[in-house]
C-alpha atoms as a PDB file:
ATOM      1  CA  UNK A   1     -43.646  57.635 -94.293  1.00  0.00           C
ATOM      2  CA  UNK A   2     -46.535  55.262 -92.539  1.00  0.00           C
ATOM      3  CA  UNK A   3     -47.986  56.614 -89.388  1.00  0.00           C
ATOM      4  CA  UNK A   4     -48.444  53.700 -87.143  1.00  0.00           C
ATOM      5  CA  UNK A   5     -51.940  54.097 -85.519  1.00  0.00           C
ATOM      6  CA  UNK A   6     -51.108  52.189 -82.616  1.00  0.00           C
ATOM      7  CA  UNK A   7     -47.470  53.303 -81.705  1.00  0.00           C
ATOM      8  CA  UNK A   8     -48.712  54.597 -78.674  1.00  0.00           C
ATOM      9  CA  UNK A   9     -51.694  53.453 -76.605  1.00  0.00           C
ATOM     10  CA  UNK A  10     -53.256  53.755 -73.457  1.00  0.00           C
ATOM     11  CA  UNK A  11     -52.678  50.531 -70.568  1.00  0.00           C
ATOM     12  CA  UNK A  12     -53.713  50.469 -67.313  1.00  0.00           C
ATOM     13  CA  UNK A  13     -49.983  51.608 -66.162  1.00  0.00           C
ATOM     14  CA  UNK A  14     -49.867  54.371 -68.605  1.00  0.00           C
ATOM     15  CA  UNK A  15     -49.366  55.297 -72.036  1.00  0.00           C
ATOM     16  CA  UNK A  16     -47.342  52.399 -74.266  1.00  0.00           C
ATOM     17  CA  UNK A  17     -45.184  51.979 -76.853  1.00  0.00           C
ATOM     18  CA  UNK A  18     -45.060  48.568 -77.866  1.00  0.00           C
ATOM     19  CA  UNK A  19     -42.170  48.842 -80.432  1.00  0.00           C
ATOM     20  CA  UNK A  20     -39.844  50.185 -77.935  1.00  0.00           C
ATOM     21  CA  UNK A  21     -41.419  48.090 -75.276  1.00  0.00           C
ATOM     22  CA  UNK A  22     -41.863  51.485 -72.704  1.00  0.00           C
ATOM     23  CA  UNK A  23     -44.172  53.516 -71.254  1.00  0.00           C
ATOM     24  CA  UNK A  24     -44.430  57.251 -71.244  1.00  0.00           C
ATOM     25  CA  UNK A  25     -45.423  58.857 -67.884  1.00  0.00           C
ATOM     26  CA  UNK A  26     -46.868  55.438 -66.214  1.00  0.00           C
ATOM     27  CA  UNK A  27     -48.587  55.501 -62.997  1.00  0.00           C
ATOM     28  CA  UNK A  28     -47.730  52.124 -61.781  1.00  0.00           C
ATOM     29  CA  UNK A  29     -44.443  50.177 -61.731  1.00  0.00           C
ATOM     30  CA  UNK A  30     -42.707  49.254 -65.325  1.00  0.00           C
ATOM     31  CA  UNK A  31     -39.325  48.368 -66.661  1.00  0.00           C
ATOM     32  CA  UNK A  32     -38.519  51.662 -68.726  1.00  0.00           C
ATOM     33  CA  UNK A  33     -40.436  54.806 -67.537  1.00  0.00           C
ATOM     34  CA  UNK A  34     -39.883  57.741 -69.855  1.00  0.00           C
ATOM     35  CA  UNK A  35     -41.471  60.751 -67.503  1.00  0.00           C
ATOM     36  CA  UNK A  36     -42.354  63.892 -68.803  1.00  0.00           C
ATOM     37  CA  UNK A  37     -42.319  66.083 -65.602  1.00  0.00           C
ATOM     38  CA  UNK A  38     -42.590  65.733 -62.143  1.00  0.00           C
ATOM     39  CA  UNK A  39     -46.286  66.283 -61.480  1.00  0.00           C
ATOM     40  CA  UNK A  40     -47.746  63.446 -59.497  1.00  0.00           C
ATOM     41  CA  UNK A  41     -50.410  62.204 -62.023  1.00  0.00           C
ATOM     42  CA  UNK A  42     -46.956  61.610 -64.766  1.00  0.00           C
ATOM     43  CA  UNK A  43     -44.469  60.466 -62.364  1.00  0.00           C
ATOM     44  CA  UNK A  44     -44.134  57.460 -59.881  1.00  0.00           C
ATOM     45  CA  UNK A  45     -41.926  55.685 -58.021  1.00  0.00           C
ATOM     46  CA  UNK A  46     -41.188  51.931 -58.623  1.00  0.00           C
ATOM     47  CA  UNK A  47     -39.641  51.922 -62.071  1.00  0.00           C
ATOM     48  CA  UNK A  48     -36.515  49.941 -62.827  1.00  0.00           C
ATOM     49  CA  UNK A  49     -35.303  52.598 -65.477  1.00  0.00           C
ATOM     50  CA  UNK A  50     -36.409  55.876 -65.498  1.00  0.00           C
ATOM     51  CA  UNK A  51     -35.667  58.577 -68.407  1.00  0.00           C
ATOM     52  CA  UNK A  52     -35.978  62.045 -67.679  1.00  0.00           C
ATOM     53  CA  UNK A  53     -34.583  65.342 -67.419  1.00  0.00           C
ATOM     54  CA  UNK A  54     -31.942  66.394 -64.660  1.00  0.00           C
ATOM     55  CA  UNK A  55     -34.586  68.775 -62.925  1.00  0.00           C
ATOM     56  CA  UNK A  56     -37.191  66.089 -63.058  1.00  0.00           C
ATOM     57  CA  UNK A  57     -34.972  63.687 -61.524  1.00  0.00           C
ATOM     58  CA  UNK A  58     -34.210  65.982 -58.813  1.00  0.00           C
ATOM     59  CA  UNK A  59     -37.645  66.212 -57.928  1.00  0.00           C
ATOM     60  CA  UNK A  60     -38.178  62.828 -57.677  1.00  0.00           C
ATOM     61  CA  UNK A  61     -35.418  61.725 -55.666  1.00  0.00           C
ATOM     62  CA  UNK A  62     -36.459  64.149 -53.189  1.00  0.00           C
ATOM     63  CA  UNK A  63     -40.007  62.835 -53.615  1.00  0.00           C
ATOM     64  CA  UNK A  64     -39.405  59.061 -53.799  1.00  0.00           C
ATOM     65  CA  UNK A  65     -36.211  59.116 -51.657  1.00  0.00           C
ATOM     66  CA  UNK A  66     -36.512  55.012 -51.884  1.00  0.00           C
ATOM     67  CA  UNK A  67     -36.522  55.269 -55.556  1.00  0.00           C
ATOM     68  CA  UNK A  68     -32.595  53.533 -56.067  1.00  0.00           C
ATOM     69  CA  UNK A  69     -30.464  56.451 -57.442  1.00  0.00           C
ATOM     70  CA  UNK A  70     -29.010  54.272 -60.395  1.00  0.00           C
ATOM     71  CA  UNK A  71     -32.508  53.829 -62.077  1.00  0.00           C
ATOM     72  CA  UNK A  72     -32.473  57.265 -63.010  1.00  0.00           C
ATOM     73  CA  UNK A  73     -31.166  57.884 -66.555  1.00  0.00           C
ATOM     74  CA  UNK A  74     -30.815  61.673 -67.063  1.00  0.00           C
ATOM     75  CA  UNK A  75     -30.665  62.962 -70.824  1.00  0.00           C
ATOM     76  CA  UNK A  76     -30.032  66.791 -71.594  1.00  0.00           C
ATOM     77  CA  UNK A  77     -32.569  68.679 -73.959  1.00  0.00           C
ATOM     78  CA  UNK A  78     -31.676  67.419 -77.318  1.00  0.00           C
ATOM     79  CA  UNK A  79     -29.678  64.950 -76.473  1.00  0.00           C
ATOM     80  CA  UNK A  80     -30.645  61.697 -78.444  1.00  0.00           C
ATOM     81  CA  UNK A  81     -31.250  58.259 -76.808  1.00  0.00           C
ATOM     82  CA  UNK A  82     -32.880  55.238 -77.538  1.00  0.00           C
ATOM     83  CA  UNK A  83     -35.250  52.541 -76.078  1.00  0.00           C
ATOM     84  CA  UNK A  84     -35.526  49.073 -78.039  1.00  0.00           C
ATOM     85  CA  UNK A  85     -35.004  50.618 -81.310  1.00  0.00           C
ATOM     86  CA  UNK A  86     -36.794  54.023 -80.776  1.00  0.00           C
ATOM     87  CA  UNK A  87     -35.052  57.368 -81.366  1.00  0.00           C
ATOM     88  CA  UNK A  88     -35.911  59.425 -78.206  1.00  0.00           C
ATOM     89  CA  UNK A  89     -35.485  63.048 -77.503  1.00  0.00           C
ATOM     90  CA  UNK A  90     -36.326  65.869 -74.763  1.00  0.00           C
ATOM     91  CA  UNK A  91     -37.495  69.293 -75.643  1.00  0.00           C
ATOM     92  CA  UNK A  92     -38.620  72.363 -73.137  1.00  0.00           C
ATOM     93  CA  UNK A  93     -42.232  71.865 -72.528  1.00  0.00           C
ATOM     94  CA  UNK A  94     -42.229  75.125 -70.366  1.00  0.00           C
ATOM     95  CA  UNK A  95     -45.096  73.747 -67.479  1.00  0.00           C
ATOM     96  CA  UNK A  96     -42.633  73.511 -64.590  1.00  0.00           C
ATOM     97  CA  UNK A  97     -38.798  73.159 -63.922  1.00  0.00           C
ATOM     98  CA  UNK A  98     -37.599  70.136 -66.041  1.00  0.00           C
ATOM     99  CA  UNK A  99     -40.898  69.354 -68.002  1.00  0.00           C
ATOM    100  CA  UNK A 100     -40.093  67.947 -71.315  1.00  0.00           C
ATOM    101  CA  UNK A 101     -42.277  67.073 -74.557  1.00  0.00           C
ATOM    102  CA  UNK A 102     -40.696  63.637 -75.788  1.00  0.00           C
ATOM    103  CA  UNK A 103     -39.936  63.041 -79.654  1.00  0.00           C
ATOM    104  CA  UNK A 104     -39.868  59.416 -80.405  1.00  0.00           C
ATOM    105  CA  UNK A 105     -38.759  58.661 -83.992  1.00  0.00           C
ATOM    106  CA  UNK A 106     -39.660  55.234 -85.618  1.00  0.00           C
ATOM    107  CA  UNK A 107     -38.986  54.290 -89.137  1.00  0.00           C
ATOM    108  CA  UNK A 108     -38.890  57.581 -90.449  1.00  0.00           C
ATOM    109  CA  UNK A 109     -42.122  59.562 -88.285  1.00  0.00           C
ATOM    110  CA  UNK A 110     -41.667  61.597 -86.004  1.00  0.00           C
ATOM    111  CA  UNK A 111     -44.120  61.110 -82.740  1.00  0.00           C
ATOM    112  CA  UNK A 112     -44.520  64.140 -80.471  1.00  0.00           C
ATOM    113  CA  UNK A 113     -45.907  63.388 -77.034  1.00  0.00           C
ATOM    114  CA  UNK A 114     -46.302  67.230 -75.651  1.00  0.00           C
ATOM    115  CA  UNK A 115     -46.855  66.166 -72.000  1.00  0.00           C
ATOM    116  CA  UNK A 116     -48.388  69.396 -70.072  1.00  0.00           C
ATOM    117  CA  UNK A 117     -46.752  72.715 -71.570  1.00  0.00           C
ATOM    118  CA  UNK A 118     -47.565  76.185 -71.345  1.00  0.00           C
ATOM    119  CA  UNK A 119     -46.457  79.263 -73.979  1.00  0.00           C
ATOM    120  CA  UNK A 120     -46.746  82.020 -71.456  1.00  0.00           C
ATOM    121  CA  UNK A 121     -43.421  83.627 -69.907  1.00  0.00           C
ATOM    122  CA  UNK A 122     -42.028  81.586 -66.846  1.00  0.00           C
ATOM    123  CA  UNK A 123     -38.481  82.772 -65.411  1.00  0.00           C
ATOM    124  CA  UNK A 124     -38.545  79.294 -63.336  1.00  0.00           C
ATOM    125  CA  UNK A 125     -38.517  76.552 -66.051  1.00  0.00           C
ATOM    126  CA  UNK A 126     -37.095  76.520 -69.647  1.00  0.00           C
ATOM    127  CA  UNK A 127     -39.120  77.939 -72.214  1.00  0.00           C
ATOM    128  CA  UNK A 128     -40.975  75.961 -74.414  1.00  0.00           C
ATOM    129  CA  UNK A 129     -39.455  75.020 -78.001  1.00  0.00           C
ATOM    130  CA  UNK A 130     -41.298  74.226 -81.107  1.00  0.00           C
ATOM    131  CA  UNK A 131     -40.146  71.008 -82.696  1.00  0.00           C
ATOM    132  CA  UNK A 132     -42.249  69.485 -86.360  1.00  0.00           C
ATOM    133  CA  UNK A 133     -43.189  66.055 -85.685  1.00  0.00           C
ATOM    134  CA  UNK A 134     -45.961  64.139 -88.189  1.00  0.00           C
ATOM    135  CA  UNK A 135     -48.064  63.193 -85.017  1.00  0.00           C
ATOM    136  CA  UNK A 136     -48.552  65.227 -82.562  1.00  0.00           C
ATOM    137  CA  UNK A 137     -49.787  63.567 -78.699  1.00  0.00           C
ATOM    138  CA  UNK A 138     -51.401  66.573 -77.184  1.00  0.00           C
ATOM    139  CA  UNK A 139     -52.793  67.456 -73.562  1.00  0.00           C
ATOM    140  CA  UNK A 140     -56.332  69.143 -73.874  1.00  0.00           C
ATOM    141  CA  UNK A 141     -56.905  70.427 -70.437  1.00  0.00           C
ATOM    142  CA  UNK A 142     -58.325  74.078 -71.418  1.00  0.00           C
ATOM    143  CA  UNK A 143     -59.278  72.960 -74.909  1.00  0.00           C
ATOM    144  CA  UNK A 144     -61.853  74.724 -75.391  1.00  0.00           C
ATOM    145  CA  UNK A 145     -62.769  78.006 -77.491  1.00  0.00           C
ATOM    146  CA  UNK A 146     -64.118  79.910 -74.507  1.00  0.00           C
ATOM    147  CA  UNK A 147     -61.060  79.553 -72.585  1.00  0.00           C
ATOM    148  CA  UNK A 148     -58.538  82.094 -72.514  1.00  0.00           C
ATOM    149  CA  UNK A 149     -56.040  82.640 -69.655  1.00  0.00           C
ATOM    150  CA  UNK A 150     -55.686  86.062 -68.922  1.00  0.00           C
ATOM    151  CA  UNK A 151     -52.119  88.459 -68.770  1.00  0.00           C
ATOM    152  CA  UNK A 152     -50.582  86.731 -65.742  1.00  0.00           C
ATOM    153  CA  UNK A 153     -48.708  90.212 -64.891  1.00  0.00           C
ATOM    154  CA  UNK A 154     -52.443  91.797 -64.842  1.00  0.00           C
ATOM    155  CA  UNK A 155     -53.247  88.493 -62.531  1.00  0.00           C
ATOM    156  CA  UNK A 156     -50.578  89.003 -59.851  1.00  0.00           C
ATOM    157  CA  UNK A 157     -50.925  92.597 -59.575  1.00  0.00           C
ATOM    158  CA  UNK A 158     -54.373  92.018 -58.323  1.00  0.00           C
ATOM    159  CA  UNK A 159     -52.555  91.003 -55.096  1.00  0.00           C
ATOM    160  CA  UNK A 160     -51.293  94.894 -54.466  1.00  0.00           C
ATOM    161  CA  UNK A 161     -53.928  95.210 -51.880  1.00  0.00           C
ATOM    162  CA  UNK A 162     -53.801  96.434 -48.411  1.00  0.00           C
ATOM    163  CA  UNK A 163     -53.977  93.339 -46.661  1.00  0.00           C
ATOM    164  CA  UNK A 164     -52.184  90.173 -46.113  1.00  0.00           C
ATOM    165  CA  UNK A 165     -53.026  87.278 -48.247  1.00  0.00           C
ATOM    166  CA  UNK A 166     -53.362  83.436 -47.936  1.00  0.00           C
ATOM    167  CA  UNK A 167     -52.739  81.973 -51.059  1.00  0.00           C
ATOM    168  CA  UNK A 168     -53.315  78.219 -52.354  1.00  0.00           C
ATOM    169  CA  UNK A 169     -51.027  76.977 -54.952  1.00  0.00           C
ATOM    170  CA  UNK A 170     -49.636  73.633 -56.287  1.00  0.00           C
ATOM    171  CA  UNK A 171     -46.404  72.818 -54.394  1.00  0.00           C
ATOM    172  CA  UNK A 172     -44.449  71.935 -57.640  1.00  0.00           C
ATOM    173  CA  UNK A 173     -44.399  74.830 -60.138  1.00  0.00           C
ATOM    174  CA  UNK A 174     -47.180  76.813 -59.203  1.00  0.00           C
ATOM    175  CA  UNK A 175     -45.476  78.174 -55.878  1.00  0.00           C
ATOM    176  CA  UNK A 176     -42.185  78.708 -57.845  1.00  0.00           C
ATOM    177  CA  UNK A 177     -43.901  80.782 -60.559  1.00  0.00           C
ATOM    178  CA  UNK A 178     -45.717  83.166 -58.162  1.00  0.00           C
ATOM    179  CA  UNK A 179     -42.973  83.460 -55.674  1.00  0.00           C
ATOM    180  CA  UNK A 180     -40.769  84.799 -59.078  1.00  0.00           C
ATOM    181  CA  UNK A 181     -43.766  87.038 -60.251  1.00  0.00           C
ATOM    182  CA  UNK A 182     -44.189  88.496 -56.700  1.00  0.00           C
ATOM    183  CA  UNK A 183     -40.485  89.101 -56.563  1.00  0.00           C
ATOM    184  CA  UNK A 184     -40.348  90.757 -59.908  1.00  0.00           C
ATOM    185  CA  UNK A 185     -43.699  92.645 -60.030  1.00  0.00           C
ATOM    186  CA  UNK A 186     -44.862  93.370 -56.289  1.00  0.00           C
ATOM    187  CA  UNK A 187     -41.457  93.387 -54.743  1.00  0.00           C
ATOM    188  CA  UNK A 188     -42.846  95.263 -51.604  1.00  0.00           C
ATOM    189  CA  UNK A 189     -44.633  92.034 -50.842  1.00  0.00           C
ATOM    190  CA  UNK A 190     -43.033  89.402 -48.285  1.00  0.00           C
ATOM    191  CA  UNK A 191     -43.449  85.873 -49.754  1.00  0.00           C
ATOM    192  CA  UNK A 192     -43.572  83.115 -46.653  1.00  0.00           C
ATOM    193  CA  UNK A 193     -43.694  79.437 -47.484  1.00  0.00           C
ATOM    194  CA  UNK A 194     -45.830  76.856 -45.999  1.00  0.00           C
ATOM    195  CA  UNK A 195     -42.958  73.841 -45.040  1.00  0.00           C
ATOM    196  CA  UNK A 196     -44.398  71.460 -47.487  1.00  0.00           C
ATOM    197  CA  UNK A 197     -43.663  74.112 -50.362  1.00  0.00           C
ATOM    198  CA  UNK A 198     -39.924  75.378 -48.936  1.00  0.00           C
ATOM    199  CA  UNK A 199     -37.972  71.825 -50.374  1.00  0.00           C
ATOM    200  CA  UNK A 200     -39.299  72.173 -53.612  1.00  0.00           C
ATOM    201  CA  UNK A 201     -37.886  76.202 -54.117  1.00  0.00           C
ATOM    202  CA  UNK A 202     -35.013  75.014 -52.480  1.00  0.00           C
ATOM    203  CA  UNK A 203     -34.570  72.486 -55.473  1.00  0.00           C
ATOM    204  CA  UNK A 204     -35.497  75.541 -58.433  1.00  0.00           C
ATOM    205  CA  UNK A 205     -32.904  77.545 -56.267  1.00  0.00           C
ATOM    206  CA  UNK A 206     -30.137  75.080 -57.564  1.00  0.00           C
ATOM    207  CA  UNK A 207     -31.319  75.818 -61.413  1.00  0.00           C
ATOM    208  CA  UNK A 208     -32.895  79.498 -62.067  1.00  0.00           C
ATOM    209  CA  UNK A 209     -30.744  81.680 -63.297  1.00  0.00           C
ATOM    210  CA  UNK A 210     -32.776  84.465 -60.950  1.00  0.00           C
ATOM    211  CA  UNK A 211     -32.807  83.770 -57.237  1.00  0.00           C
ATOM    212  CA  UNK A 212     -36.112  83.932 -55.810  1.00  0.00           C
ATOM    213  CA  UNK A 213     -37.044  85.580 -52.122  1.00  0.00           C
ATOM    214  CA  UNK A 214     -38.822  83.743 -49.695  1.00  0.00           C
ATOM    215  CA  UNK A 215     -39.147  82.874 -46.135  1.00  0.00           C
ATOM    216  CA  UNK A 216     -40.434  80.171 -44.073  1.00  0.00           C
ATOM    217  CA  UNK A 217     -43.850  80.954 -42.059  1.00  0.00           C
ATOM    218  CA  UNK A 218     -44.021  81.264 -39.141  1.00  0.00           C
ATOM    219  CA  UNK A 219     -47.387  82.152 -37.061  1.00  0.00           C
ATOM    220  CA  UNK A 220     -45.476  85.119 -35.131  1.00  0.00           C
ATOM    221  CA  UNK A 221     -44.515  86.834 -38.343  1.00  0.00           C
ATOM    222  CA  UNK A 222     -47.748  86.101 -40.068  1.00  0.00           C
ATOM    223  CA  UNK A 223     -49.800  87.750 -37.177  1.00  0.00           C
ATOM    224  CA  UNK A 224     -47.547  90.572 -36.715  1.00  0.00           C
ATOM    225  CA  UNK A 225     -48.124  94.039 -37.657  1.00  0.00           C
ATOM    226  CA  UNK A 226     -48.132  95.104 -41.603  1.00  0.00           C
ATOM    227  CA  UNK A 227     -50.400  93.774 -44.517  1.00  0.00           C
ATOM    228  CA  UNK A 228     -47.534  93.149 -47.213  1.00  0.00           C
ATOM    229  CA  UNK A 229     -47.580  89.309 -46.659  1.00  0.00           C
ATOM    230  CA  UNK A 230     -48.051  86.677 -49.090  1.00  0.00           C
ATOM    231  CA  UNK A 231     -48.273  83.180 -47.404  1.00  0.00           C
ATOM    232  CA  UNK A 232     -48.077  80.541 -50.063  1.00  0.00           C
ATOM    233  CA  UNK A 233     -49.830  77.261 -48.709  1.00  0.00           C
ATOM    234  CA  UNK A 234     -50.958  73.869 -50.618  1.00  0.00           C
ATOM    235  CA  UNK A 235     -54.789  73.621 -51.453  1.00  0.00           C
ATOM    236  CA  UNK A 236     -55.645  71.165 -48.410  1.00  0.00           C
ATOM    237  CA  UNK A 237     -54.187  73.759 -46.273  1.00  0.00           C
ATOM    238  CA  UNK A 238     -55.914  76.537 -47.956  1.00  0.00           C
ATOM    239  CA  UNK A 239     -59.033  74.791 -47.423  1.00  0.00           C
ATOM    240  CA  UNK A 240     -58.350  73.917 -43.859  1.00  0.00           C
ATOM    241  CA  UNK A 241     -57.776  77.676 -43.073  1.00  0.00           C
ATOM    242  CA  UNK A 242     -60.966  78.944 -44.679  1.00  0.00           C
ATOM    243  CA  UNK A 243     -61.715  80.464 -41.252  1.00  0.00           C
ATOM    244  CA  UNK A 244     -58.682  82.405 -40.748  1.00  0.00           C
ATOM    245  CA  UNK A 245     -59.160  85.733 -39.980  1.00  0.00           C
ATOM    246  CA  UNK A 246     -57.432  88.898 -40.589  1.00  0.00           C
ATOM    247  CA  UNK A 247     -56.576  87.957 -44.450  1.00  0.00           C
ATOM    248  CA  UNK A 248     -57.785  87.647 -47.968  1.00  0.00           C
ATOM    249  CA  UNK A 249     -57.889  84.165 -49.599  1.00  0.00           C
ATOM    250  CA  UNK A 250     -56.916  83.473 -52.730  1.00  0.00           C
ATOM    251  CA  UNK A 251     -56.277  80.301 -54.983  1.00  0.00           C
ATOM    252  CA  UNK A 252     -54.405  80.363 -58.545  1.00  0.00           C
ATOM    253  CA  UNK A 253     -55.460  78.388 -60.672  1.00  0.00           C
ATOM    254  CA  UNK A 254     -56.792  78.326 -64.392  1.00  0.00           C
ATOM    255  CA  UNK A 255     -60.208  76.885 -63.495  1.00  0.00           C
ATOM    256  CA  UNK A 256     -63.004  79.023 -63.069  1.00  0.00           C
ATOM    257  CA  UNK A 257     -64.844  76.568 -60.323  1.00  0.00           C
ATOM    258  CA  UNK A 258     -61.801  76.791 -57.912  1.00  0.00           C
ATOM    259  CA  UNK A 259     -62.045  80.377 -57.502  1.00  0.00           C
ATOM    260  CA  UNK A 260     -65.578  80.871 -56.182  1.00  0.00           C
ATOM    261  CA  UNK A 261     -65.109  81.102 -52.733  1.00  0.00           C
ATOM    262  CA  UNK A 262     -61.940  83.075 -52.647  1.00  0.00           C
ATOM    263  CA  UNK A 263     -61.605  86.772 -52.065  1.00  0.00           C
ATOM    264  CA  UNK A 264     -59.674  87.231 -54.679  1.00  0.00           C
ATOM    265  CA  UNK A 265     -59.716  85.510 -58.088  1.00  0.00           C
ATOM    266  CA  UNK A 266     -56.562  84.672 -59.338  1.00  0.00           C
ATOM    267  CA  UNK A 267     -56.210  82.773 -62.868  1.00  0.00           C
ATOM    268  CA  UNK A 268     -52.999  81.498 -63.584  1.00  0.00           C
ATOM    269  CA  UNK A 269     -52.630  78.458 -65.445  1.00  0.00           C
ATOM    270  CA  UNK A 270     -49.623  76.456 -66.316  1.00  0.00           C
ATOM    271  CA  UNK A 271     -51.439  74.755 -69.365  1.00  0.00           C
ATOM    272  CA  UNK A 272     -52.539  76.300 -72.715  1.00  0.00           C
ATOM    273  CA  UNK A 273     -55.561  77.678 -73.569  1.00  0.00           C
ATOM    274  CA  UNK A 274     -57.686  77.081 -76.909  1.00  0.00           C
ATOM    275  CA  UNK A 275     -55.385  79.721 -78.931  1.00  0.00           C
ATOM    276  CA  UNK A 276     -51.966  78.636 -77.890  1.00  0.00           C
ATOM    277  CA  UNK A 277     -53.312  75.350 -78.600  1.00  0.00           C
ATOM    278  CA  UNK A 278     -53.996  76.397 -82.045  1.00  0.00           C
ATOM    279  CA  UNK A 279     -50.869  78.207 -82.471  1.00  0.00           C
ATOM    280  CA  UNK A 280     -48.423  75.469 -81.187  1.00  0.00           C
ATOM    281  CA  UNK A 281     -50.190  72.884 -83.591  1.00  0.00           C
ATOM    282  CA  UNK A 282     -49.529  75.126 -86.660  1.00  0.00           C
ATOM    283  CA  UNK A 283     -46.047  75.259 -85.400  1.00  0.00           C
ATOM    284  CA  UNK A 284     -45.598  71.604 -85.260  1.00  0.00           C
ATOM    285  CA  UNK A 285     -47.423  71.158 -88.707  1.00  0.00           C
ATOM    286  CA  UNK A 286     -48.715  67.628 -88.010  1.00  0.00           C
ATOM    287  CA  UNK A 287     -50.358  65.176 -90.152  1.00  0.00           C
ATOM    288  CA  UNK A 288     -52.255  63.606 -87.228  1.00  0.00           C
ATOM    289  CA  UNK A 289     -53.160  64.588 -83.703  1.00  0.00           C
ATOM    290  CA  UNK A 290     -53.834  62.482 -80.925  1.00  0.00           C
ATOM    291  CA  UNK A 291     -55.481  63.722 -77.759  1.00  0.00           C
ATOM    292  CA  UNK A 292     -55.261  62.874 -74.071  1.00  0.00           C
ATOM    293  CA  UNK A 293     -55.604  64.394 -70.808  1.00  0.00           C
ATOM    294  CA  UNK A 294     -59.046  66.244 -70.416  1.00  0.00           C
ATOM    295  CA  UNK A 295     -61.667  66.275 -73.290  1.00  0.00           C
ATOM    296  CA  UNK A 296     -60.694  66.866 -76.602  1.00  0.00           C
ATOM    297  CA  UNK A 297     -64.035  66.214 -78.246  1.00  0.00           C
ATOM    298  CA  UNK A 298     -64.019  70.363 -79.535  1.00  0.00           C
ATOM    299  CA  UNK A 299     -60.366  70.060 -80.833  1.00  0.00           C
ATOM    300  CA  UNK A 300     -61.584  67.312 -82.571  1.00  0.00           C
ATOM    301  CA  UNK A 301     -64.551  69.184 -84.426  1.00  0.00           C
ATOM    302  CA  UNK A 302     -62.241  71.974 -85.392  1.00  0.00           C
ATOM    303  CA  UNK A 303     -59.959  69.755 -86.996  1.00  0.00           C
ATOM    304  CA  UNK A 304     -62.013  67.406 -88.404  1.00  0.00           C
ATOM    305  CA  UNK A 305     -62.507  68.497 -92.001  1.00  0.00           C
ATOM    306  CA  UNK A 306     -58.343  69.621 -92.072  1.00  0.00           C
ATOM    307  CA  UNK A 307     -56.248  66.965 -90.258  1.00  0.00           C
ATOM    308  CA  UNK A 308     -56.754  63.072 -89.080  1.00  0.00           C
ATOM    309  CA  UNK A 309     -57.568  63.677 -85.296  1.00  0.00           C
ATOM    310  CA  UNK A 310     -58.139  60.846 -82.890  1.00  0.00           C
ATOM    311  CA  UNK A 311     -58.611  60.166 -78.851  1.00  0.00           C
ATOM    312  CA  UNK A 312     -56.124  57.958 -77.514  1.00  0.00           C
ATOM    313  CA  UNK A 313     -57.882  57.468 -73.862  1.00  0.00           C
ATOM    314  CA  UNK A 314     -61.294  57.419 -72.719  1.00  0.00           C
ATOM    315  CA  UNK A 315     -60.646  59.809 -69.705  1.00  0.00           C
ATOM    316  CA  UNK A 316     -62.671  62.807 -70.647  1.00  0.00           C
ATOM    317  CA  UNK A 317     -61.378  65.013 -66.975  1.00  0.00           C
ATOM    318  CA  UNK A 318     -58.592  65.136 -64.679  1.00  0.00           C
ATOM    319  CA  UNK A 319     -57.989  67.099 -61.419  1.00  0.00           C
ATOM    320  CA  UNK A 320     -54.650  68.911 -62.562  1.00  0.00           C
ATOM    321  CA  UNK A 321     -51.842  71.052 -61.810  1.00  0.00           C
ATOM    322  CA  UNK A 322     -53.542  74.109 -63.374  1.00  0.00           C
END
């Protein structure tokens, strides 16, 4: 077994595999794009061929409606396909609907690109599946021993207050997870959606087994009597509503810096924390770890004497759907 050190490299357009002549999560148009999930920092339009899961394709088709339908090559989880001699499989990543880990097999070596992933329970997406590989290519968004995501149910129960709530969250993934958790754990709360979030919920409705309960926001409803309404809005909308009265404000994120100006802290992340990364690595059993998407220096320090580990990108921070 020989690990090819430049099997996946960072280029201006994205992460490139020259041995199969394809990109993973490219941000600019390419011939072959293998897309892990539909968040905008991983999925972009303009590619000649897009390889993804059905969930990812459905969201991309909505967001990028000028992308030719015939450019999508939809693959099931676990289905074998090949691009220029590299064997590829998708496995659930547990991040959002349709999110996939990308397993690439070349000359007997298994290279596993995680994309963004989480181990916490989420009824609105496919649960993560553990896959063994010789090379693990992992995100490091929260790769810090001081980072421990709290229990998500305990966090959502913070919203059980006698007040209407203005809740900022990302339109894709976070909003649907919060809606499902509110439906399950605080069923007396009315979930109202910003118009930018509503279409994504409709896509999720086609895939998930447990139907979500929600309504479109209207100004009269939010200003009416009662104290059990939770209005989900995108981040920019929350910022523009900072002066709104008679509501408590919250923002769902794993980042502490995004909790500062809110009335309720809501630590909900769709990424792995430090302990989850370590557990994941133990299950994958890699002989080498390549890090990207975040600051992997502490992970490098932790594994430096146990596993070959290196950074395949120079970027140390990114704003993300966390």
